[in-house]
C-alpha atoms as a PDB file:
ATOM      1  CA  ILE A   1       0.015   0.325   0.024  1.00  0.00           C
ATOM      2  CA  ASN A   2       1.255   3.598  -0.941  1.00  0.00           C
ATOM      3  CA  LEU A   3      -0.431   6.170   1.092  1.00  0.00           C
ATOM      4  CA  ILE A   4      -0.346   9.371  -0.839  1.00  0.00           C
ATOM      5  CA  LYS A   5      -2.548  12.602   0.228  1.00  0.00           C
ATOM      6  CA  ASN A   6      -6.274  12.171  -1.526  1.00  0.00           C
ATOM      7  CA  GLU A   7      -4.760   9.508  -3.181  1.00  0.00           C
ATOM      8  CA  GLU A   8      -3.848   5.530  -2.373  1.00  0.00           C
ATOM      9  CA  ILE A   9      -2.123   3.156  -4.391  1.00  0.00           C
ATOM     10  CA  ILE A  10      -3.138  -0.701  -3.936  1.00  0.00           C
ATOM     11  CA  THR A  11      -1.260  -3.580  -5.363  1.00  0.00           C
ATOM     12  CA  VAL A  12      -2.848  -6.357  -5.771  1.00  0.00           C
ATOM     13  CA  LYS A  13      -0.960  -9.924  -5.993  1.00  0.00           C
ATOM     14  CA  VAL A  14      -2.158 -13.332  -7.075  1.00  0.00           C
ATOM     15  CA  LYS A  15      -0.073 -16.356  -6.362  1.00  0.00           C
ATOM     16  CA  ASN A  16      -0.413 -19.857  -7.351  1.00  0.00           C
ATOM     17  CA  LEU A  17       0.093 -22.030  -4.809  1.00  0.00           C
ATOM     18  CA  ASP A  18       0.907 -25.175  -6.704  1.00  0.00           C
ATOM     19  CA  THR A  19       3.368 -23.549  -9.045  1.00  0.00           C
ATOM     20  CA  ASN A  20       4.350 -20.441  -6.609  1.00  0.00           C
ATOM     21  CA  CYS A  21       3.959 -18.458 -10.031  1.00  0.00           C
ATOM     22  CA  ALA A  22       2.643 -14.873  -9.205  1.00  0.00           C
ATOM     23  CA  SER A  23       1.532 -11.794 -10.931  1.00  0.00           C
ATOM     24  CA  GLU A  24       0.458  -8.432  -9.548  1.00  0.00           C
ATOM     25  CA  THR A  25      -1.276  -5.223 -10.648  1.00  0.00           C
ATOM     26  CA  THR A  26      -1.860  -1.894  -9.178  1.00  0.00           C
ATOM     27  CA  PHE A  27      -4.791   0.376  -8.974  1.00  0.00           C
ATOM     28  CA  LYS A  28      -5.608   3.910  -7.680  1.00  0.00           C
ATOM     29  CA  LEU A  29      -8.360   5.299  -5.016  1.00  0.00           C
ATOM     30  CA  ILE A  30      -8.339   8.563  -5.585  1.00  0.00           C
ATOM     31  CA  VAL A  31     -10.393  10.905  -2.936  1.00  0.00           C
ATOM     32  CA  ASN A  32     -11.963  13.720  -4.807  1.00  0.00           C
ATOM     33  CA  SER A  33     -13.125  17.069  -2.841  1.00  0.00           C
ATOM     34  CA  LEU A  34     -16.924  17.363  -2.324  1.00  0.00           C
ATOM     35  CA  PRO A  35     -18.270  20.819  -4.134  1.00  0.00           C
ATOM     36  CA  ILE A  36     -19.751  23.272  -1.765  1.00  0.00           C
ATOM     37  CA  ALA A  37     -23.613  23.844  -1.525  1.00  0.00           C
ATOM     38  CA  ASN A  38     -23.807  27.252   0.498  1.00  0.00           C
ATOM     39  CA  SER A  39     -26.911  27.386   2.683  1.00  0.00           C
ATOM     40  CA  LEU A  40     -29.952  29.490   1.429  1.00  0.00           C
ATOM     41  CA  ASN A  41     -32.375  31.916   2.890  1.00  0.00           C
ATOM     42  CA  LYS A  42     -35.921  31.052   3.045  1.00  0.00           C
ATOM     43  CA  ILE A  43     -38.004  32.977  -0.034  1.00  0.00           C
ATOM     44  CA  THR A  44     -41.373  34.402   0.729  1.00  0.00           C
ATOM     45  CA  GLY A  45     -43.970  34.965  -1.681  1.00  0.00           C
ATOM     46  CA  CYS A  46     -47.300  36.703  -1.532  1.00  0.00           C
ATOM     47  CA  ASP A  47     -50.195  34.717  -1.424  1.00  0.00           C
ATOM     48  CA  ASP A  48     -53.027  37.060  -2.937  1.00  0.00           C
ATOM     49  CA  ASN A  49     -55.975  34.660  -2.429  1.00  0.00           C
ATOM     50  CA  ASN A  50     -55.032  32.685   1.270  1.00  0.00           C
ATOM     51  CA  ASP A  51     -54.915  29.426  -0.557  1.00  0.00           C
ATOM     52  CA  GLY A  52     -51.193  28.811   0.377  1.00  0.00           C
ATOM     53  CA  ILE A  53     -50.010  29.061  -3.060  1.00  0.00           C
ATOM     54  CA  SER A  54     -47.847  31.891  -4.646  1.00  0.00           C
ATOM     55  CA  GLU A  55     -47.149  32.617  -8.342  1.00  0.00           C
ATOM     56  CA  PHE A  56     -44.339  35.217  -7.273  1.00  0.00           C
ATOM     57  CA  PHE A  57     -41.083  33.116  -5.660  1.00  0.00           C
ATOM     58  CA  ASP A  58     -38.080  34.755  -7.172  1.00  0.00           C
ATOM     59  CA  THR A  59     -35.666  32.268  -7.862  1.00  0.00           C
ATOM     60  CA  SER A  60     -33.338  34.197  -9.858  1.00  0.00           C
ATOM     61  CA  ASN A  61     -30.179  34.426  -7.561  1.00  0.00           C
ATOM     62  CA  ILE A  62     -30.316  30.920  -6.228  1.00  0.00           C
ATOM     63  CA  GLU A  63     -27.728  29.318  -8.602  1.00  0.00           C
ATOM     64  CA  ALA A  64     -25.417  32.455  -7.613  1.00  0.00           C
ATOM     65  CA  LEU A  65     -25.927  32.053  -3.869  1.00  0.00           C
ATOM     66  CA  VAL A  66     -25.804  28.360  -3.537  1.00  0.00           C
ATOM     67  CA  LEU A  67     -22.387  28.009  -5.775  1.00  0.00           C
ATOM     68  CA  GLY A  68     -20.800  31.091  -4.639  1.00  0.00           C
ATOM     69  CA  ASN A  69     -17.183  31.308  -6.769  1.00  0.00           C
ATOM     70  CA  GLN A  70     -17.382  27.625  -7.602  1.00  0.00           C
ATOM     71  CA  THR A  71     -17.244  27.073 -11.330  1.00  0.00           C
ATOM     72  CA  GLY A  72     -17.646  24.053 -13.604  1.00  0.00           C
ATOM     73  CA  MET A  73     -20.326  22.857 -11.326  1.00  0.00           C
ATOM     74  CA  GLU A  74     -24.050  21.568 -12.219  1.00  0.00           C
ATOM     75  CA  ILE A  75     -26.996  21.946 -10.375  1.00  0.00           C
ATOM     76  CA  THR A  76     -30.431  20.069 -10.095  1.00  0.00           C
ATOM     77  CA  TYR A  77     -33.273  20.532  -7.883  1.00  0.00           C
ATOM     78  CA  PHE A  78     -35.634  17.861  -6.028  1.00  0.00           C
ATOM     79  CA  ASP A  79     -39.025  17.977  -4.712  1.00  0.00           C
ATOM     80  CA  SER A  80     -39.895  16.605  -1.081  1.00  0.00           C
ATOM     81  CA  ASN A  81     -40.634  13.239  -3.004  1.00  0.00           C
ATOM     82  CA  GLY A  82     -37.161  13.274  -4.930  1.00  0.00           C
ATOM     83  CA  ASN A  83     -38.799  13.758  -8.188  1.00  0.00           C
ATOM     84  CA  GLN A  84     -36.333  16.275 -10.310  1.00  0.00           C
ATOM     85  CA  LEU A  85     -37.378  19.284 -11.115  1.00  0.00           C
ATOM     86  CA  PRO A  86     -36.558  21.657 -13.896  1.00  0.00           C
ATOM     87  CA  SER A  87     -33.183  23.398 -13.642  1.00  0.00           C
ATOM     88  CA  PRO A  88     -32.828  26.155 -13.609  1.00  0.00           C
ATOM     89  CA  LEU A  89     -36.104  26.937 -11.654  1.00  0.00           C
ATOM     90  CA  PRO A  90     -38.697  28.808 -13.415  1.00  0.00           C
ATOM     91  CA  ASN A  91     -38.936  32.412 -12.655  1.00  0.00           C
ATOM     92  CA  PRO A  92     -41.106  33.331 -10.914  1.00  0.00           C
ATOM     93  CA  TYR A  93     -41.780  29.920  -9.296  1.00  0.00           C
ATOM     94  CA  THR A  94     -44.925  28.760  -8.231  1.00  0.00           C
ATOM     95  CA  ASN A  95     -45.282  26.697  -5.280  1.00  0.00           C
ATOM     96  CA  THR A  96     -46.882  23.255  -5.543  1.00  0.00           C
ATOM     97  CA  VAL A  97     -47.145  22.698  -1.683  1.00  0.00           C
ATOM     98  CA  SER A  98     -49.452  24.897  -0.105  1.00  0.00           C
ATOM     99  CA  ASN A  99     -47.983  27.469   2.723  1.00  0.00           C
ATOM    100  CA  GLN A 100     -44.266  26.228   2.609  1.00  0.00           C
ATOM    101  CA  GLU A 101     -42.478  23.786   0.283  1.00  0.00           C
ATOM    102  CA  THR A 102     -38.881  22.157   0.834  1.00  0.00           C
ATOM    103  CA  ILE A 103     -36.891  22.018  -2.461  1.00  0.00           C
ATOM    104  CA  THR A 104     -33.244  20.170  -2.440  1.00  0.00           C
ATOM    105  CA  VAL A 105     -30.426  22.031  -4.320  1.00  0.00           C
ATOM    106  CA  ARG A 106     -27.875  19.597  -5.250  1.00  0.00           C
ATOM    107  CA  VAL A 107     -24.151  20.829  -6.389  1.00  0.00           C
ATOM    108  CA  SER A 108     -22.357  18.048  -8.385  1.00  0.00           C
ATOM    109  CA  LYS A 109     -18.896  17.976 -10.243  1.00  0.00           C
ATOM    110  CA  PRO A 110     -19.567  16.246 -13.482  1.00  0.00           C
ATOM    111  CA  GLN A 111     -15.928  14.805 -13.564  1.00  0.00           C
ATOM    112  CA  THR A 112     -16.311  13.031 -10.279  1.00  0.00           C
ATOM    113  CA  ASN A 113     -20.330  12.611  -9.689  1.00  0.00           C
ATOM    114  CA  CYS A 114     -19.483  13.702  -6.092  1.00  0.00           C
ATOM    115  CA  TYR A 115     -22.189  16.603  -4.617  1.00  0.00           C
ATOM    116  CA  ALA A 116     -23.351  18.444  -2.026  1.00  0.00           C
ATOM    117  CA  GLU A 117     -27.165  19.259  -0.881  1.00  0.00           C
ATOM    118  CA  THR A 118     -28.725  21.956   0.967  1.00  0.00           C
ATOM    119  CA  SER A 119     -32.199  23.042   1.146  1.00  0.00           C
ATOM    120  CA  LEU A 120     -34.337  25.935  -0.442  1.00  0.00           C
ATOM    121  CA  ILE A 121     -37.714  26.731   1.927  1.00  0.00           C
ATOM    122  CA  LEU A 122     -40.598  28.614  -0.096  1.00  0.00           C
ATOM    123  CA  ALA A 123     -42.822  29.981   2.275  1.00  0.00           C
ATOM    124  CA  THR A 124     -46.373  31.892   1.454  1.00  0.00           C
ATOM    125  CA  SER A 125     -47.222  35.162   3.015  1.00  0.00           C
ATOM    126  CA  ASN A 126     -50.570  36.193   2.924  1.00  0.00           C
ATOM    127  CA  LYS A 127     -51.108  39.592   1.396  1.00  0.00           C
ATOM    128  CA  PRO A 128     -53.563  41.946   2.740  1.00  0.00           C
ATOM    129  CA  LEU A 129     -56.958  41.921   2.468  1.00  0.00           C
ATOM    130  CA  ILE A 130     -58.131  45.403   2.126  1.00  0.00           C
ATOM    131  CA  ASN A 131     -61.406  47.391   1.312  1.00  0.00           C
ATOM    132  CA  GLN A 132     -61.735  50.618  -0.818  1.00  0.00           C
ATOM    133  CA  PRO A 133     -62.823  53.368   1.775  1.00  0.00           C
ATOM    134  CA  GLN A 134     -65.723  55.801   0.744  1.00  0.00           C
ATOM    135  CA  PRO A 135     -64.668  58.885  -0.499  1.00  0.00           C
ATOM    136  CA  LEU A 136     -65.182  61.832   2.201  1.00  0.00           C
ATOM    137  CA  TYR A 137     -66.891  64.993   1.388  1.00  0.00           C
ATOM    138  CA  ALA A 138     -66.652  68.494   2.927  1.00  0.00           C
ATOM    139  CA  CYS A 139     -67.890  72.034   2.438  1.00  0.00           C
ATOM    140  CA  ASP A 140     -65.812  74.642   0.957  1.00  0.00           C
ATOM    141  CA  GLU A 141     -64.004  76.489   3.370  1.00  0.00           C
ATOM    142  CA  GLY A 142     -62.523  78.853   0.366  1.00  0.00           C
ATOM    143  CA  ASN A 143     -60.955  78.079  -2.932  1.00  0.00           C
ATOM    144  CA  GLY A 144     -61.909  74.178  -2.827  1.00  0.00           C
ATOM    145  CA  PHE A 145     -60.008  73.339   0.312  1.00  0.00           C
ATOM    146  CA  SER A 146     -61.299  72.235   3.426  1.00  0.00           C
ATOM    147  CA  HIS A 147     -60.630  70.061   6.433  1.00  0.00           C
ATOM    148  CA  PHE A 148     -61.711  66.080   6.366  1.00  0.00           C
ATOM    149  CA  ASP A 149     -62.443  63.675   8.899  1.00  0.00           C
ATOM    150  CA  THR A 150     -60.363  60.747   8.529  1.00  0.00           C
ATOM    151  CA  SER A 151     -60.727  59.140  11.769  1.00  0.00           C
ATOM    152  CA  LEU A 152     -62.258  55.978  10.251  1.00  0.00           C
ATOM    153  CA  ILE A 153     -60.223  55.478   7.083  1.00  0.00           C
ATOM    154  CA  GLU A 154     -57.938  52.821   8.667  1.00  0.00           C
ATOM    155  CA  SER A 155     -60.367  50.689  10.095  1.00  0.00           C
ATOM    156  CA  GLN A 156     -62.303  51.073   6.600  1.00  0.00           C
ATOM    157  CA  THR A 157     -59.184  49.693   4.764  1.00  0.00           C
ATOM    158  CA  ILE A 158     -57.847  46.832   6.933  1.00  0.00           C
ATOM    159  CA  GLY A 159     -60.823  46.245   9.434  1.00  0.00           C
ATOM    160  CA  ASN A 160     -59.511  44.186  12.505  1.00  0.00           C
ATOM    161  CA  GLN A 161     -56.265  42.634  10.837  1.00  0.00           C
ATOM    162  CA  THR A 162     -53.074  42.954  12.807  1.00  0.00           C
ATOM    163  CA  GLY A 163     -49.467  43.079  11.840  1.00  0.00           C
ATOM    164  CA  LEU A 164     -49.997  45.422   9.114  1.00  0.00           C
ATOM    165  CA  LEU A 165     -48.523  48.961   8.257  1.00  0.00           C
ATOM    166  CA  VAL A 166     -50.401  51.418   6.842  1.00  0.00           C
ATOM    167  CA  THR A 167     -48.923  54.291   4.433  1.00  0.00           C
ATOM    168  CA  TYR A 168     -50.458  56.904   2.805  1.00  0.00           C
ATOM    169  CA  PHE A 169     -49.228  59.232   0.025  1.00  0.00           C
ATOM    170  CA  ASP A 170     -50.302  62.187  -1.929  1.00  0.00           C
ATOM    171  CA  GLU A 171     -51.054  61.720  -5.974  1.00  0.00           C
ATOM    172  CA  ASN A 172     -47.260  62.911  -6.358  1.00  0.00           C
ATOM    173  CA  GLY A 173     -45.835  59.774  -4.213  1.00  0.00           C
ATOM    174  CA  ASN A 174     -45.029  62.032  -1.476  1.00  0.00           C
ATOM    175  CA  LYS A 175     -45.701  60.120   1.892  1.00  0.00           C
ATOM    176  CA  LEU A 176     -48.128  61.636   4.133  1.00  0.00           C
ATOM    177  CA  PRO A 177     -48.576  61.398   7.942  1.00  0.00           C
ATOM    178  CA  SER A 178     -49.909  57.570   9.276  1.00  0.00           C
ATOM    179  CA  PRO A 179     -52.118  57.662  10.521  1.00  0.00           C
ATOM    180  CA  LEU A 180     -53.595  60.560   8.661  1.00  0.00           C
ATOM    181  CA  PRO A 181     -54.352  63.563  10.814  1.00  0.00           C
ATOM    182  CA  LYS A 182     -58.315  63.304  11.675  1.00  0.00           C
ATOM    183  CA  ASN A 183     -58.680  66.896  10.924  1.00  0.00           C
ATOM    184  CA  PHE A 184     -57.130  66.508   7.369  1.00  0.00           C
ATOM    185  CA  GLN A 185     -56.868  69.402   4.914  1.00  0.00           C
ATOM    186  CA  ASN A 186     -56.270  68.619   1.237  1.00  0.00           C
ATOM    187  CA  THR A 187     -54.097  69.986  -0.733  1.00  0.00           C
ATOM    188  CA  VAL A 188     -55.468  69.666  -4.214  1.00  0.00           C
ATOM    189  CA  ALA A 189     -58.200  72.069  -4.439  1.00  0.00           C
ATOM    190  CA  TRP A 190     -62.074  70.550  -5.061  1.00  0.00           C
ATOM    191  CA  SER A 191     -60.904  66.893  -5.539  1.00  0.00           C
ATOM    192  CA  GLN A 192     -57.801  65.179  -4.073  1.00  0.00           C
ATOM    193  CA  THR A 193     -56.712  61.200  -4.261  1.00  0.00           C
ATOM    194  CA  ILE A 194     -55.166  59.777  -1.208  1.00  0.00           C
ATOM    195  CA  ASN A 195     -53.001  56.570  -1.921  1.00  0.00           C
ATOM    196  CA  ILE A 196     -52.620  53.833   0.671  1.00  0.00           C
ATOM    197  CA  LYS A 197     -50.087  51.004   0.800  1.00  0.00           C
ATOM    198  CA  VAL A 198     -50.859  48.406   3.179  1.00  0.00           C
ATOM    199  CA  GLU A 199     -47.962  45.932   3.894  1.00  0.00           C
ATOM    200  CA  ASN A 200     -47.627  42.812   5.914  1.00  0.00           C
ATOM    201  CA  GLN A 201     -44.948  43.554   8.690  1.00  0.00           C
ATOM    202  CA  LEU A 202     -43.236  40.637   8.582  1.00  0.00           C
ATOM    203  CA  ASN A 203     -42.904  40.775   4.664  1.00  0.00           C
ATOM    204  CA  PRO A 204     -42.613  44.237   3.206  1.00  0.00           C
ATOM    205  CA  LEU A 205     -42.855  42.492  -0.428  1.00  0.00           C
ATOM    206  CA  CYS A 206     -46.373  41.298   0.557  1.00  0.00           C
ATOM    207  CA  TYR A 207     -48.895  44.487   0.488  1.00  0.00           C
ATOM    208  CA  SER A 208     -52.041  45.832  -1.024  1.00  0.00           C
ATOM    209  CA  GLU A 209     -52.926  49.147  -2.348  1.00  0.00           C
ATOM    210  CA  THR A 210     -56.118  51.242  -2.664  1.00  0.00           C
ATOM    211  CA  SER A 211     -57.139  54.690  -2.594  1.00  0.00           C
ATOM    212  CA  PHE A 212     -59.679  57.262  -1.885  1.00  0.00           C
ATOM    213  CA  LYS A 213     -61.112  60.625  -2.720  1.00  0.00           C
ATOM    214  CA  LEU A 214     -61.638  63.807  -0.933  1.00  0.00           C
ATOM    215  CA  ILE A 215     -64.178  65.724  -2.295  1.00  0.00           C
ATOM    216  CA  THR A 216     -64.985  69.642  -1.793  1.00  0.00           C
ATOM    217  CA  ASN A 217     -68.397  70.601  -2.418  1.00  0.00           C
ATOM    218  CA  LYS A 218     -68.998  74.058  -3.334  1.00  0.00           C
ATOM    219  CA  LEU A 219     -71.551  75.759  -1.059  1.00  0.00           C
ATOM    220  CA  PRO A 220     -74.986  76.380  -1.864  1.00  0.00           C
ATOM    221  CA  GLN A 221     -75.760  79.810  -3.430  1.00  0.00           C
ATOM    222  CA  ILE A 222     -78.924  81.342  -2.085  1.00  0.00           C
ATOM    223  CA  ASN A 223     -80.615  83.286  -5.091  1.00  0.00           C
ATOM    224  CA  LEU A 224     -82.055  86.336  -3.044  1.00  0.00           C
ATOM    225  CA  GLU A 225     -81.133  89.896  -2.853  1.00  0.00           C
ATOM    226  CA  SER A 226     -79.702  91.311   0.713  1.00  0.00           C
ATOM    227  CA  ASP A 227     -82.698  94.194   0.594  1.00  0.00           C
ATOM    228  CA  TYR A 228     -86.562  93.940  -0.188  1.00  0.00           C
ATOM    229  CA  ILE A 229     -89.140  96.692   0.089  1.00  0.00           C
ATOM    230  CA  LEU A 230     -92.167  95.745   1.402  1.00  0.00           C
ATOM    231  CA  CYS A 231     -94.946  98.568   0.891  1.00  0.00           C
ATOM    232  CA  ASP A 232     -97.705  99.816   3.445  1.00  0.00           C
ATOM    233  CA  LEU A 233    -100.230  98.842   1.344  1.00  0.00           C
ATOM    234  CA  GLU A 234     -98.805  95.038   0.858  1.00  0.00           C
ATOM    235  CA  PRO A 235     -99.790  92.534   3.286  1.00  0.00           C
ATOM    236  CA  SER A 236     -96.563  90.766   2.852  1.00  0.00           C
ATOM    237  CA  ILE A 237     -93.751  90.101   0.396  1.00  0.00           C
ATOM    238  CA  TYR A 238     -93.243  86.420  -0.978  1.00  0.00           C
ATOM    239  CA  LEU A 239     -89.955  85.073  -1.425  1.00  0.00           C
ATOM    240  CA  ALA A 240     -88.630  81.923  -2.871  1.00  0.00           C
ATOM    241  CA  THR A 241     -85.179  80.280  -3.277  1.00  0.00           C
ATOM    242  CA  ASP A 242     -83.973  77.075  -4.863  1.00  0.00           C
ATOM    243  CA  PRO A 243     -86.333  74.337  -4.272  1.00  0.00           C
ATOM    244  CA  ASN A 244     -83.553  71.687  -5.115  1.00  0.00           C
ATOM    245  CA  PHE A 245     -82.052  72.292  -1.487  1.00  0.00           C
ATOM    246  CA  ASN A 246     -82.559  69.724   0.937  1.00  0.00           C
ATOM    247  CA  PHE A 247     -83.189  71.897   3.867  1.00  0.00           C
ATOM    248  CA  TRP A 248     -84.547  75.250   4.610  1.00  0.00           C
ATOM    249  CA  GLU A 249     -84.805  77.465   7.775  1.00  0.00           C
ATOM    250  CA  TRP A 250     -86.287  80.905   7.832  1.00  0.00           C
ATOM    251  CA  LYS A 251     -85.908  83.183  10.961  1.00  0.00           C
ATOM    252  CA  ASN A 252     -86.996  86.299  11.976  1.00  0.00           C
ATOM    253  CA  LYS A 253     -85.147  89.053  13.936  1.00  0.00           C
ATOM    254  CA  ASP A 254     -86.434  86.980  17.112  1.00  0.00           C
ATOM    255  CA  ASN A 255     -84.767  83.990  15.788  1.00  0.00           C
ATOM    256  CA  THR A 256     -87.894  82.236  15.559  1.00  0.00           C
ATOM    257  CA  ILE A 257     -88.423  80.032  12.685  1.00  0.00           C
ATOM    258  CA  ILE A 258     -91.345  80.788  10.287  1.00  0.00           C
ATOM    259  CA  SER A 259     -90.634  78.559   7.490  1.00  0.00           C
ATOM    260  CA  ASN A 260     -89.009  75.190   6.791  1.00  0.00           C
ATOM    261  CA  SER A 261     -89.872  75.470   3.110  1.00  0.00           C
ATOM    262  CA  PHE A 262     -88.332  76.528  -0.041  1.00  0.00           C
ATOM    263  CA  GLU A 263     -90.557  80.004   0.311  1.00  0.00           C
ATOM    264  CA  ALA A 264     -91.923  82.392   2.944  1.00  0.00           C
ATOM    265  CA  ASN A 265     -93.961  85.348   3.491  1.00  0.00           C
ATOM    266  CA  LEU A 266     -92.505  87.856   5.087  1.00  0.00           C
ATOM    267  CA  MET A 267     -95.206  90.427   6.693  1.00  0.00           C
ATOM    268  CA  GLU A 268     -92.822  92.738   8.777  1.00  0.00           C
ATOM    269  CA  ALA A 269     -89.747  95.188   8.101  1.00  0.00           C
ATOM    270  CA  GLY A 270     -86.755  93.656   9.584  1.00  0.00           C
ATOM    271  CA  SER A 271     -83.873  91.385   9.584  1.00  0.00           C
ATOM    272  CA  TYR A 272     -84.354  87.708   8.019  1.00  0.00           C
ATOM    273  CA  THR A 273     -82.049  84.837   8.210  1.00  0.00           C
ATOM    274  CA  LEU A 274     -82.543  82.039   5.962  1.00  0.00           C
ATOM    275  CA  ARG A 275     -80.131  78.577   5.856  1.00  0.00           C
ATOM    276  CA  VAL A 276     -79.858  75.834   3.609  1.00  0.00           C
ATOM    277  CA  SER A 277     -78.074  73.022   2.894  1.00  0.00           C
ATOM    278  CA  LYS A 278     -77.632  70.321   0.169  1.00  0.00           C
END
């Protein structure tokens, strides 16, 4: 036996005991180094309908990560039952085992058939289920700007779900405070869109988006003059405003309501107040 590092030469001698004749030969045992299969981090894909399946696993970096700086290697993939999968893996990859799938990654050296293996874990993460909030309306405070009560926006969007991060953006992508101020003033006159991004805190790659509108309504315009003349010979003066309003309240100088209709008969001189709403 001749011992050499990573190599061993073995001599085989065959001897005929009757004739004492012998012959011999040698062969080598060569120890080849194993390839290295670098460990892989778990990959998380987003599950958009809670069925445990994701079509969005990014496998583009798998080979580079598992090989490192090794060259001349062959990579094969096997499912949990030992069935060989395509190589390279499709990108994006869709898992075939719900919620979590384990794939064996084998790194082989073709010249020696030596190989090493590591595991690739594909786990699904639920995409947040969200609702689109109803538009918010407010009355014009001047030039199409107003203040809006946003206190219910977050609960309308995510309900009672937990572990979610809610972020708001204006129409230019500028980040807004989260939660929004309860008395929020629009920055775009008359109609503004606020975008909402809801992320899974454990996996920011899983997110859902929606939006809602801030709509500033113009104040009702009352089609009455500021002054009217009541002649002595006339028992009253009849006034009417837009019948399409939803509310009317006529008051005299004593603050007494004299009509809740779009019309009123005014019988005395003095100051009157009309309040309407729509």
